[in-house]
Amino acid sequence: MSTAQLHAFEAQFHQLSVDEQRLLLDRLTADHRQNNDVQWSVELAAMAADPDIQREVRAIEQEFADTEQDGLENV
């Protein structure tokens, strides 16, 4: 978005009533959260499929295998 477009958007925003501004901000926030959730899921799936990450997780699991024997996993 160019600076001119941003200024135009801000000018239009300020022409809205307080309730309309709040409604718009709520909708933008919800859209932003949803987009972030989708992006997070995509990135997490990519990490889970990464062989280097899988190898590191297995190494960590082996390192802590003895502590899983202490009976506290259900606490």
N, C-alpha and C. Protein backbone atom coordinates (compact mmCIF):
# COMPACT_ATOMS: atom_id res chain seq x y z
N MET A 1 0.86 -1.18 0.00
CA MET A 1 0.00 0.00 0.00
C MET A 1 0.90 1.23 0.00
N SER A 2 0.58 2.15 -0.88
CA SER A 2 1.39 3.36 -0.95
C SER A 2 1.03 4.32 0.18
N THR A 3 1.89 5.27 0.40
CA THR A 3 1.64 6.28 1.44
C THR A 3 0.37 7.06 1.14
N ALA A 4 0.14 7.38 -0.12
CA ALA A 4 -1.07 8.12 -0.50
C ALA A 4 -2.32 7.29 -0.20
N GLN A 5 -2.28 6.00 -0.50
CA GLN A 5 -3.42 5.13 -0.21
C GLN A 5 -3.66 5.04 1.30
N LEU A 6 -2.59 4.94 2.05
CA LEU A 6 -2.71 4.87 3.49
C LEU A 6 -3.33 6.14 4.07
N HIS A 7 -2.90 7.29 3.58
CA HIS A 7 -3.48 8.55 4.04
C HIS A 7 -4.96 8.65 3.68
N ALA A 8 -5.31 8.19 2.48
CA ALA A 8 -6.72 8.21 2.06
C ALA A 8 -7.55 7.30 2.95
N PHE A 9 -7.02 6.13 3.26
CA PHE A 9 -7.72 5.21 4.16
C PHE A 9 -7.92 5.84 5.54
N GLU A 10 -6.88 6.45 6.06
CA GLU A 10 -6.97 7.09 7.38
C GLU A 10 -8.00 8.21 7.36
N ALA A 11 -8.05 8.99 6.30
CA ALA A 11 -9.02 10.08 6.20
C ALA A 11 -10.44 9.52 6.18
N GLN A 12 -10.64 8.44 5.44
CA GLN A 12 -11.97 7.82 5.40
C GLN A 12 -12.33 7.23 6.76
N PHE A 13 -11.35 6.64 7.41
CA PHE A 13 -11.58 6.06 8.74
C PHE A 13 -12.06 7.13 9.72
N HIS A 14 -11.43 8.29 9.69
CA HIS A 14 -11.78 9.35 10.62
C HIS A 14 -13.15 9.97 10.33
N GLN A 15 -13.69 9.69 9.15
CA GLN A 15 -15.03 10.17 8.83
C GLN A 15 -16.11 9.27 9.41
N LEU A 16 -15.73 8.09 9.84
CA LEU A 16 -16.69 7.15 10.44
C LEU A 16 -17.02 7.58 11.86
N SER A 17 -18.20 7.16 12.32
CA SER A 17 -18.55 7.39 13.72
C SER A 17 -17.67 6.50 14.59
N VAL A 18 -17.67 6.79 15.87
CA VAL A 18 -16.86 6.00 16.81
C VAL A 18 -17.31 4.54 16.78
N ASP A 19 -18.62 4.31 16.74
CA ASP A 19 -19.12 2.94 16.69
C ASP A 19 -18.70 2.24 15.39
N GLU A 20 -18.75 2.94 14.27
CA GLU A 20 -18.32 2.35 13.01
C GLU A 20 -16.82 2.07 13.01
N GLN A 21 -16.04 2.97 13.61
CA GLN A 21 -14.60 2.74 13.72
C GLN A 21 -14.34 1.49 14.55
N ARG A 22 -15.05 1.36 15.66
CA ARG A 22 -14.86 0.20 16.53
C ARG A 22 -15.24 -1.08 15.80
N LEU A 23 -16.36 -1.06 15.08
CA LEU A 23 -16.79 -2.23 14.32
C LEU A 23 -15.75 -2.62 13.27
N LEU A 24 -15.25 -1.63 12.55
CA LEU A 24 -14.23 -1.89 11.54
C LEU A 24 -12.97 -2.46 12.17
N LEU A 25 -12.54 -1.88 13.27
CA LEU A 25 -11.33 -2.39 13.94
C LEU A 25 -11.53 -3.81 14.44
N ASP A 26 -12.72 -4.10 14.97
CA ASP A 26 -13.01 -5.46 15.43
C ASP A 26 -12.95 -6.45 14.27
N ARG A 27 -13.52 -6.07 13.13
CA ARG A 27 -13.51 -6.95 11.96
C ARG A 27 -12.09 -7.14 11.43
N LEU A 28 -11.33 -6.05 11.38
CA LEU A 28 -9.94 -6.15 10.92
C LEU A 28 -9.12 -7.02 11.86
N THR A 29 -9.34 -6.87 13.16
CA THR A 29 -8.63 -7.68 14.15
C THR A 29 -8.96 -9.15 13.98
N ALA A 30 -10.26 -9.46 13.80
CA ALA A 30 -10.67 -10.86 13.62
C ALA A 30 -10.05 -11.44 12.35
N ASP A 31 -10.06 -10.67 11.26
CA ASP A 31 -9.44 -11.14 10.01
C ASP A 31 -7.95 -11.38 10.20
N HIS A 32 -7.30 -10.46 10.90
CA HIS A 32 -5.86 -10.58 11.14
C HIS A 32 -5.55 -11.83 11.96
N ARG A 33 -6.34 -12.07 13.00
CA ARG A 33 -6.12 -13.27 13.83
C ARG A 33 -6.31 -14.53 13.02
N GLN A 34 -7.36 -14.56 12.20
CA GLN A 34 -7.63 -15.75 11.39
C GLN A 34 -6.49 -16.00 10.41
N ASN A 35 -6.02 -14.94 9.76
CA ASN A 35 -4.90 -15.08 8.82
C ASN A 35 -3.64 -15.56 9.55
N ASN A 36 -3.41 -15.04 10.75
CA ASN A 36 -2.24 -15.48 11.52
C ASN A 36 -2.38 -16.94 11.92
N ASP A 37 -3.60 -17.36 12.29
CA ASP A 37 -3.82 -18.76 12.66
C ASP A 37 -3.54 -19.69 11.48
N VAL A 38 -3.99 -19.29 10.29
CA VAL A 38 -3.75 -20.09 9.10
C VAL A 38 -2.25 -20.15 8.81
N GLN A 39 -1.60 -19.00 8.86
CA GLN A 39 -0.16 -18.95 8.59
C GLN A 39 0.60 -19.79 9.60
N TRP A 40 0.22 -19.69 10.88
CA TRP A 40 0.87 -20.47 11.94
C TRP A 40 0.72 -21.96 11.66
N SER A 41 -0.47 -22.40 11.25
CA SER A 41 -0.70 -23.81 10.95
C SER A 41 0.17 -24.28 9.78
N VAL A 42 0.28 -23.46 8.77
CA VAL A 42 1.11 -23.80 7.60
C VAL A 42 2.57 -23.93 8.02
N GLU A 43 3.05 -22.97 8.79
CA GLU A 43 4.45 -23.00 9.23
C GLU A 43 4.71 -24.18 10.17
N LEU A 44 3.76 -24.46 11.06
CA LEU A 44 3.91 -25.59 11.97
C LEU A 44 3.95 -26.91 11.22
N ALA A 45 3.08 -27.06 10.22
CA ALA A 45 3.08 -28.28 9.41
C ALA A 45 4.40 -28.44 8.66
N ALA A 46 4.94 -27.35 8.16
CA ALA A 46 6.22 -27.41 7.46
C ALA A 46 7.34 -27.82 8.41
N MET A 47 7.30 -27.29 9.63
CA MET A 47 8.31 -27.67 10.62
C MET A 47 8.19 -29.15 10.97
N ALA A 48 6.96 -29.62 11.15
CA ALA A 48 6.74 -31.02 11.52
C ALA A 48 7.21 -31.97 10.42
N ALA A 49 7.16 -31.54 9.19
CA ALA A 49 7.59 -32.38 8.06
C ALA A 49 9.09 -32.28 7.80
N ASP A 50 9.75 -31.35 8.43
CA ASP A 50 11.18 -31.12 8.19
C ASP A 50 12.00 -32.25 8.84
N PRO A 51 12.79 -32.98 8.05
CA PRO A 51 13.59 -34.08 8.60
C PRO A 51 14.55 -33.64 9.69
N ASP A 52 15.12 -32.46 9.58
CA ASP A 52 16.04 -31.97 10.62
C ASP A 52 15.30 -31.76 11.94
N ILE A 53 14.10 -31.21 11.86
CA ILE A 53 13.29 -31.00 13.08
C ILE A 53 12.91 -32.35 13.67
N GLN A 54 12.48 -33.29 12.82
CA GLN A 54 12.11 -34.62 13.31
C GLN A 54 13.29 -35.30 14.00
N ARG A 55 14.46 -35.16 13.42
CA ARG A 55 15.67 -35.75 14.01
C ARG A 55 15.95 -35.12 15.38
N GLU A 56 15.80 -33.81 15.48
CA GLU A 56 16.04 -33.11 16.75
C GLU A 56 15.03 -33.53 17.81
N VAL A 57 13.77 -33.68 17.42
CA VAL A 57 12.73 -34.12 18.36
C VAL A 57 13.05 -35.52 18.88
N ARG A 58 13.47 -36.40 17.99
CA ARG A 58 13.83 -37.76 18.44
C ARG A 58 15.01 -37.72 19.41
N ALA A 59 15.98 -36.86 19.15
CA ALA A 59 17.13 -36.75 20.05
C ALA A 59 16.69 -36.23 21.42
N ILE A 60 15.80 -35.27 21.44
CA ILE A 60 15.29 -34.74 22.71
C ILE A 60 14.50 -35.81 23.45
N GLU A 61 13.67 -36.57 22.71
CA GLU A 61 12.91 -37.65 23.34
C GLU A 61 13.83 -38.69 23.95
N GLN A 62 14.92 -39.02 23.28
CA GLN A 62 15.87 -39.98 23.82
C GLN A 62 16.55 -39.42 25.06
N GLU A 63 16.89 -38.15 25.01
CA GLU A 63 17.57 -37.52 26.14
C GLU A 63 16.71 -37.54 27.40
N PHE A 64 15.41 -37.41 27.24
CA PHE A 64 14.53 -37.35 28.40
C PHE A 64 13.78 -38.66 28.65
N ALA A 65 14.14 -39.72 27.94
CA ALA A 65 13.46 -41.01 28.09
C ALA A 65 13.50 -41.51 29.53
N ASP A 66 14.63 -41.34 30.21
CA ASP A 66 14.75 -41.81 31.58
C ASP A 66 13.79 -41.09 32.53
N THR A 67 13.58 -39.82 32.30
CA THR A 67 12.69 -39.07 33.19
C THR A 67 11.24 -39.48 33.00
N GLU A 68 10.89 -40.05 31.85
CA GLU A 68 9.52 -40.52 31.64
C GLU A 68 9.24 -41.77 32.47
N GLN A 69 10.25 -42.39 32.96
CA GLN A 69 10.09 -43.60 33.77
C GLN A 69 9.73 -43.26 35.22
N ASP A 70 9.74 -41.98 35.60
CA ASP A 70 9.52 -41.61 37.01
C ASP A 70 8.06 -41.64 37.43
N GLY A 71 7.15 -41.91 36.49
CA GLY A 71 5.74 -42.04 36.84
C GLY A 71 5.00 -40.72 36.95
N LEU A 72 5.61 -39.61 36.57
CA LEU A 72 4.98 -38.30 36.71
C LEU A 72 4.31 -37.83 35.42
N GLU A 73 4.30 -38.65 34.37
CA GLU A 73 3.76 -38.18 33.09
C GLU A 73 2.24 -37.94 33.15
N ASN A 74 1.55 -38.53 34.11
CA ASN A 74 0.10 -38.34 34.22
C ASN A 74 -0.30 -37.27 35.22
N VAL A 75 0.67 -36.54 35.74
CA VAL A 75 0.38 -35.51 36.74
C VAL A 75 -0.06 -34.25 36.08
